[in-house]
């Protein structure tokens, strides 16, 4: 938990998100936060396709719906 609190938030632009995607990174947006999910894709319980169609998009509603169902 300390590692998370030690991290500093960085504001990135939409262009920077697009650059990450163009360079092959898998990034999603949840609650206005950008997450790089490349390393997690193979471990996603619903398979990597469940996330790949959300790359570069705000998937806050999908995440909240899943959390509320679990």
N, C-alpha and C. Protein backbone atom coordinates (compact mmCIF):
# COMPACT_ATOMS: atom_id res chain seq x y z
N UNK A 1 0.82 -1.19 0.00
CA UNK A 1 0.00 0.00 0.00
C UNK A 1 0.86 1.26 0.00
N UNK A 2 2.00 1.20 0.68
CA UNK A 2 2.87 2.37 0.71
C UNK A 2 3.36 2.74 -0.68
N UNK A 3 3.61 1.74 -1.51
CA UNK A 3 4.10 2.02 -2.87
C UNK A 3 3.07 2.83 -3.64
N UNK A 4 1.81 2.51 -3.46
CA UNK A 4 0.77 3.27 -4.16
C UNK A 4 0.70 4.70 -3.67
N UNK A 5 0.80 4.90 -2.39
CA UNK A 5 0.71 6.26 -1.87
C UNK A 5 1.94 7.07 -2.24
N UNK A 6 3.05 6.40 -2.50
CA UNK A 6 4.28 7.10 -2.88
C UNK A 6 4.26 7.53 -4.34
N UNK A 7 3.43 6.89 -5.16
CA UNK A 7 3.35 7.25 -6.57
C UNK A 7 2.72 8.62 -6.72
N UNK A 8 3.22 9.36 -7.66
CA UNK A 8 2.64 10.66 -7.94
C UNK A 8 1.78 10.55 -9.19
N UNK A 9 0.63 11.19 -9.14
CA UNK A 9 -0.25 11.21 -10.29
C UNK A 9 0.34 12.12 -11.35
N UNK A 10 0.16 11.71 -12.58
CA UNK A 10 0.65 12.51 -13.70
C UNK A 10 -0.53 12.76 -14.62
N UNK A 11 -0.74 13.97 -14.98
CA UNK A 11 -1.81 14.30 -15.91
C UNK A 11 -1.28 14.12 -17.32
N UNK A 12 -1.98 13.32 -18.11
CA UNK A 12 -1.57 13.14 -19.50
C UNK A 12 -2.72 13.53 -20.41
N UNK A 13 -2.38 13.97 -21.56
CA UNK A 13 -3.38 14.44 -22.52
C UNK A 13 -3.92 13.27 -23.34
N UNK A 14 -4.98 13.55 -24.05
CA UNK A 14 -5.56 12.56 -24.95
C UNK A 14 -4.53 12.17 -26.02
N UNK A 15 -3.76 13.15 -26.48
CA UNK A 15 -2.72 12.86 -27.48
C UNK A 15 -1.70 11.88 -26.93
N UNK A 16 -1.34 12.03 -25.65
CA UNK A 16 -0.38 11.11 -25.04
C UNK A 16 -0.97 9.70 -24.93
N UNK A 17 -2.26 9.62 -24.63
CA UNK A 17 -2.93 8.32 -24.59
C UNK A 17 -2.88 7.69 -25.98
N UNK A 18 -3.19 8.48 -27.00
CA UNK A 18 -3.16 7.98 -28.37
C UNK A 18 -1.75 7.54 -28.77
N UNK A 19 -0.74 8.28 -28.32
CA UNK A 19 0.65 7.91 -28.62
C UNK A 19 1.00 6.57 -27.97
N UNK A 20 0.55 6.36 -26.73
CA UNK A 20 0.79 5.08 -26.06
C UNK A 20 0.17 3.94 -26.86
N UNK A 21 -1.06 4.14 -27.29
CA UNK A 21 -1.76 3.10 -28.06
C UNK A 21 -1.05 2.86 -29.39
N UNK A 22 -0.65 3.94 -30.07
CA UNK A 22 0.05 3.81 -31.35
C UNK A 22 1.37 3.08 -31.20
N UNK A 23 1.99 3.18 -30.02
CA UNK A 23 3.26 2.48 -29.80
C UNK A 23 3.05 1.04 -29.33
N UNK A 24 1.78 0.62 -29.29
CA UNK A 24 1.50 -0.78 -28.97
C UNK A 24 1.09 -1.05 -27.54
N UNK A 25 0.97 -0.01 -26.73
CA UNK A 25 0.58 -0.20 -25.33
C UNK A 25 -0.93 -0.38 -25.23
N UNK A 26 -1.35 -1.20 -24.30
CA UNK A 26 -2.77 -1.38 -24.02
C UNK A 26 -3.11 -0.51 -22.82
N UNK A 27 -3.89 0.54 -23.06
CA UNK A 27 -4.29 1.44 -21.98
C UNK A 27 -5.80 1.59 -21.96
N UNK A 28 -6.34 1.66 -20.75
CA UNK A 28 -7.76 1.91 -20.58
C UNK A 28 -7.93 3.07 -19.61
N UNK A 29 -9.11 3.65 -19.60
CA UNK A 29 -9.39 4.77 -18.72
C UNK A 29 -10.52 4.37 -17.79
N UNK A 30 -10.28 4.52 -16.48
CA UNK A 30 -11.28 4.22 -15.46
C UNK A 30 -11.27 5.36 -14.46
N UNK A 31 -12.41 5.97 -14.24
CA UNK A 31 -12.52 7.10 -13.31
C UNK A 31 -11.48 8.17 -13.59
N UNK A 32 -11.34 8.52 -14.85
CA UNK A 32 -10.40 9.56 -15.29
C UNK A 32 -8.94 9.24 -14.98
N UNK A 33 -8.64 7.98 -14.82
CA UNK A 33 -7.26 7.54 -14.61
C UNK A 33 -6.89 6.61 -15.75
N UNK A 34 -5.68 6.74 -16.25
CA UNK A 34 -5.20 5.91 -17.35
C UNK A 34 -4.42 4.74 -16.76
N UNK A 35 -4.78 3.53 -17.17
CA UNK A 35 -4.10 2.33 -16.70
C UNK A 35 -3.46 1.61 -17.86
N UNK A 36 -2.18 1.28 -17.71
CA UNK A 36 -1.48 0.46 -18.70
C UNK A 36 -1.73 -0.99 -18.28
N UNK A 37 -2.41 -1.74 -19.13
CA UNK A 37 -2.84 -3.09 -18.75
C UNK A 37 -2.18 -4.19 -19.57
N UNK A 38 -1.09 -3.86 -20.26
CA UNK A 38 -0.41 -4.85 -21.11
C UNK A 38 -0.10 -6.14 -20.36
N UNK A 39 0.55 -6.01 -19.23
CA UNK A 39 1.01 -7.19 -18.48
C UNK A 39 -0.15 -7.98 -17.91
N UNK A 40 -1.28 -7.35 -17.72
CA UNK A 40 -2.42 -8.01 -17.09
C UNK A 40 -3.31 -8.74 -18.10
N UNK A 41 -3.22 -8.40 -19.37
CA UNK A 41 -4.10 -8.99 -20.39
C UNK A 41 -4.16 -10.51 -20.35
N UNK A 42 -3.04 -11.22 -20.26
CA UNK A 42 -3.13 -12.69 -20.27
C UNK A 42 -3.80 -13.27 -19.02
N UNK A 43 -3.92 -12.49 -17.98
CA UNK A 43 -4.47 -12.98 -16.72
C UNK A 43 -5.92 -12.57 -16.48
N UNK A 44 -6.47 -11.74 -17.37
CA UNK A 44 -7.85 -11.29 -17.19
C UNK A 44 -8.78 -12.49 -17.23
N UNK A 45 -9.63 -12.65 -16.21
CA UNK A 45 -10.48 -13.84 -16.14
C UNK A 45 -11.44 -13.99 -17.32
N UNK A 46 -11.79 -12.89 -17.96
CA UNK A 46 -12.69 -12.95 -19.11
C UNK A 46 -11.95 -13.06 -20.43
N UNK A 47 -10.63 -13.18 -20.37
CA UNK A 47 -9.82 -13.25 -21.58
C UNK A 47 -9.38 -11.87 -22.03
N UNK A 48 -8.35 -11.84 -22.82
CA UNK A 48 -7.80 -10.55 -23.24
C UNK A 48 -8.73 -9.76 -24.15
N UNK A 49 -9.60 -10.44 -24.90
CA UNK A 49 -10.53 -9.73 -25.78
C UNK A 49 -11.51 -8.87 -25.00
N UNK A 50 -11.79 -9.27 -23.77
CA UNK A 50 -12.71 -8.49 -22.94
C UNK A 50 -12.15 -7.10 -22.66
N UNK A 51 -10.84 -6.97 -22.67
CA UNK A 51 -10.22 -5.66 -22.44
C UNK A 51 -9.81 -5.02 -23.76
N UNK A 52 -9.36 -5.80 -24.71
CA UNK A 52 -8.84 -5.23 -25.95
C UNK A 52 -9.83 -4.33 -26.67
N UNK A 53 -11.12 -4.64 -26.59
CA UNK A 53 -12.09 -3.78 -27.27
C UNK A 53 -12.31 -2.46 -26.53
N UNK A 54 -11.75 -2.35 -25.31
CA UNK A 54 -11.89 -1.12 -24.54
C UNK A 54 -10.62 -0.26 -24.55
N UNK A 55 -9.59 -0.71 -25.24
CA UNK A 55 -8.33 0.03 -25.26
C UNK A 55 -8.56 1.45 -25.79
N UNK A 56 -8.07 2.41 -25.00
CA UNK A 56 -8.19 3.81 -25.37
C UNK A 56 -9.52 4.44 -25.04
N UNK A 57 -10.42 3.66 -24.47
CA UNK A 57 -11.76 4.17 -24.16
C UNK A 57 -11.96 4.25 -22.66
N UNK A 58 -12.95 5.02 -22.27
CA UNK A 58 -13.34 5.11 -20.87
C UNK A 58 -14.25 3.92 -20.57
N UNK A 59 -13.78 3.03 -19.73
CA UNK A 59 -14.57 1.85 -19.40
C UNK A 59 -15.02 1.87 -17.93
N UNK A 60 -15.21 3.06 -17.40
CA UNK A 60 -15.63 3.23 -16.01
C UNK A 60 -16.95 2.50 -15.76
N UNK A 61 -17.91 2.68 -16.63
CA UNK A 61 -19.23 2.06 -16.42
C UNK A 61 -19.14 0.53 -16.42
N UNK A 62 -18.34 -0.02 -17.31
CA UNK A 62 -18.18 -1.47 -17.37
C UNK A 62 -17.53 -2.00 -16.09
N UNK A 63 -16.51 -1.31 -15.61
CA UNK A 63 -15.83 -1.72 -14.40
C UNK A 63 -16.77 -1.64 -13.20
N UNK A 64 -17.49 -0.54 -13.09
CA UNK A 64 -18.44 -0.37 -11.98
C UNK A 64 -19.54 -1.41 -12.04
N UNK A 65 -20.03 -1.72 -13.22
CA UNK A 65 -21.07 -2.74 -13.34
C UNK A 65 -20.55 -4.11 -12.88
N UNK A 66 -19.33 -4.42 -13.25
CA UNK A 66 -18.75 -5.70 -12.83
C UNK A 66 -18.54 -5.75 -11.32
N UNK A 67 -18.01 -4.68 -10.77
CA UNK A 67 -17.74 -4.62 -9.32
C UNK A 67 -19.03 -4.75 -8.53
N UNK A 68 -20.09 -4.13 -9.02
CA UNK A 68 -21.38 -4.19 -8.32
C UNK A 68 -22.01 -5.57 -8.42
N UNK A 69 -21.65 -6.35 -9.44
CA UNK A 69 -22.21 -7.69 -9.62
C UNK A 69 -21.43 -8.72 -8.81
N UNK A 70 -20.17 -8.45 -8.56
CA UNK A 70 -19.31 -9.44 -7.89
C UNK A 70 -19.56 -9.53 -6.41
